[in-house]
Amino acid sequence: MPKGIPDSIPFGTRVPVGCVADNQSAMASVTAFYLIVGGTWDGLFAVSDTFANGDTLGDPNGTTRVDPRVPACPN
C-alpha cells in the first residue's frame, strides 16, 4: 500500500469508482475489481464484492456482487 493510504476503506465510506474489471486473478472468492477514481484511494483497485453495489447498507440479504451501473474498464 502506498505510504499514508489506509489499508482498508472504512464501512459506509463512499468512494467514486470509474470502471469494473473482471477478476483475472486466482482468487476464487472475488467477482471483480473496481478502479477507484478520486479521494484517498485514487488509482487503486478494490474488490467489488465488498461494496454495497446498490443494496441497502447492512442488509443481510444484499447479494449484488457488481453494480450494473458501473462501466467495464477498457482492456
Protein backbone atom coordinates (compact mmCIF):
# COMPACT_ATOMS: atom_id res chain seq x y z
CA MET A 1 0.00 0.00 0.00
CA PRO A 2 1.39 3.46 -0.87
CA LYS A 3 2.63 5.44 2.12
CA GLY A 4 -0.08 7.30 4.01
CA ILE A 5 -3.03 5.42 2.47
CA PRO A 6 -5.13 3.34 4.92
CA ASP A 7 -5.14 -0.45 4.33
CA SER A 8 -8.91 -0.60 4.08
CA ILE A 9 -11.88 1.56 3.22
CA PRO A 10 -13.99 2.01 6.38
CA PHE A 11 -17.55 0.62 6.32
CA GLY A 12 -20.05 3.14 5.00
CA THR A 13 -17.44 5.25 3.19
CA ARG A 14 -18.49 6.41 -0.27
CA VAL A 15 -15.78 6.22 -2.90
CA PRO A 16 -16.02 7.15 -6.59
CA VAL A 17 -15.40 4.25 -8.96
CA GLY A 18 -14.64 4.68 -12.64
CA CYS A 19 -14.95 1.18 -14.02
CA VAL A 20 -15.11 -2.52 -13.19
CA ALA A 21 -12.56 -5.15 -14.26
CA ASP A 22 -13.33 -8.86 -14.34
CA ASN A 23 -11.38 -11.00 -11.88
CA GLN A 24 -8.41 -12.48 -13.72
CA SER A 25 -6.63 -13.47 -10.52
CA ALA A 26 -6.55 -16.85 -8.81
CA MET A 27 -8.82 -15.57 -6.02
CA ALA A 28 -11.99 -17.64 -6.47
CA SER A 29 -13.99 -15.61 -3.94
CA VAL A 30 -13.57 -12.36 -5.92
CA THR A 31 -16.09 -11.46 -8.63
CA ALA A 32 -14.46 -8.29 -10.00
CA PHE A 33 -12.44 -5.19 -9.09
CA TYR A 34 -13.44 -1.52 -9.13
CA LEU A 35 -10.96 1.17 -10.15
CA ILE A 36 -11.27 3.99 -7.62
CA VAL A 37 -11.13 7.44 -9.22
CA GLY A 38 -10.65 10.17 -6.68
CA GLY A 39 -10.19 10.65 -2.99
CA THR A 40 -7.79 8.81 -0.70
CA TRP A 41 -7.62 5.60 -2.76
CA ASP A 42 -7.42 7.20 -6.24
CA GLY A 43 -5.93 4.87 -8.85
CA LEU A 44 -6.20 1.73 -6.72
CA PHE A 45 -8.42 -1.29 -7.31
CA ALA A 46 -10.83 -2.68 -4.69
CA VAL A 47 -12.81 -5.93 -4.62
CA SER A 48 -16.36 -5.29 -5.88
CA ASP A 49 -17.86 -7.90 -3.55
CA THR A 50 -17.01 -5.71 -0.54
CA PHE A 51 -19.13 -2.77 -1.79
CA ALA A 52 -22.88 -2.31 -1.27
CA ASN A 53 -23.39 -2.24 -5.07
CA GLY A 54 -26.80 -0.61 -4.77
CA ASP A 55 -28.01 -2.87 -1.95
CA THR A 56 -29.09 -1.24 1.33
CA LEU A 57 -26.16 -0.90 3.73
CA GLY A 58 -26.29 -3.58 6.41
CA ASP A 59 -28.94 -5.64 4.56
CA PRO A 60 -28.14 -9.29 5.29
CA ASN A 61 -29.98 -10.21 2.07
CA GLY A 62 -27.83 -7.95 -0.10
CA THR A 63 -26.30 -10.17 -2.74
CA THR A 64 -25.27 -7.83 -5.54
CA ARG A 65 -21.63 -8.58 -6.36
CA VAL A 66 -21.12 -5.91 -9.05
CA ASP A 67 -23.12 -2.74 -9.59
CA PRO A 68 -24.51 -2.99 -13.15
CA ARG A 69 -24.34 0.81 -13.49
CA VAL A 70 -20.51 0.75 -13.41
CA PRO A 71 -18.98 0.53 -16.91
CA ALA A 72 -16.36 -2.05 -17.81
CA CYS A 73 -12.74 -0.92 -17.73
CA PRO A 74 -11.01 -0.72 -21.11
CA ASN A 75 -8.62 -3.58 -21.79
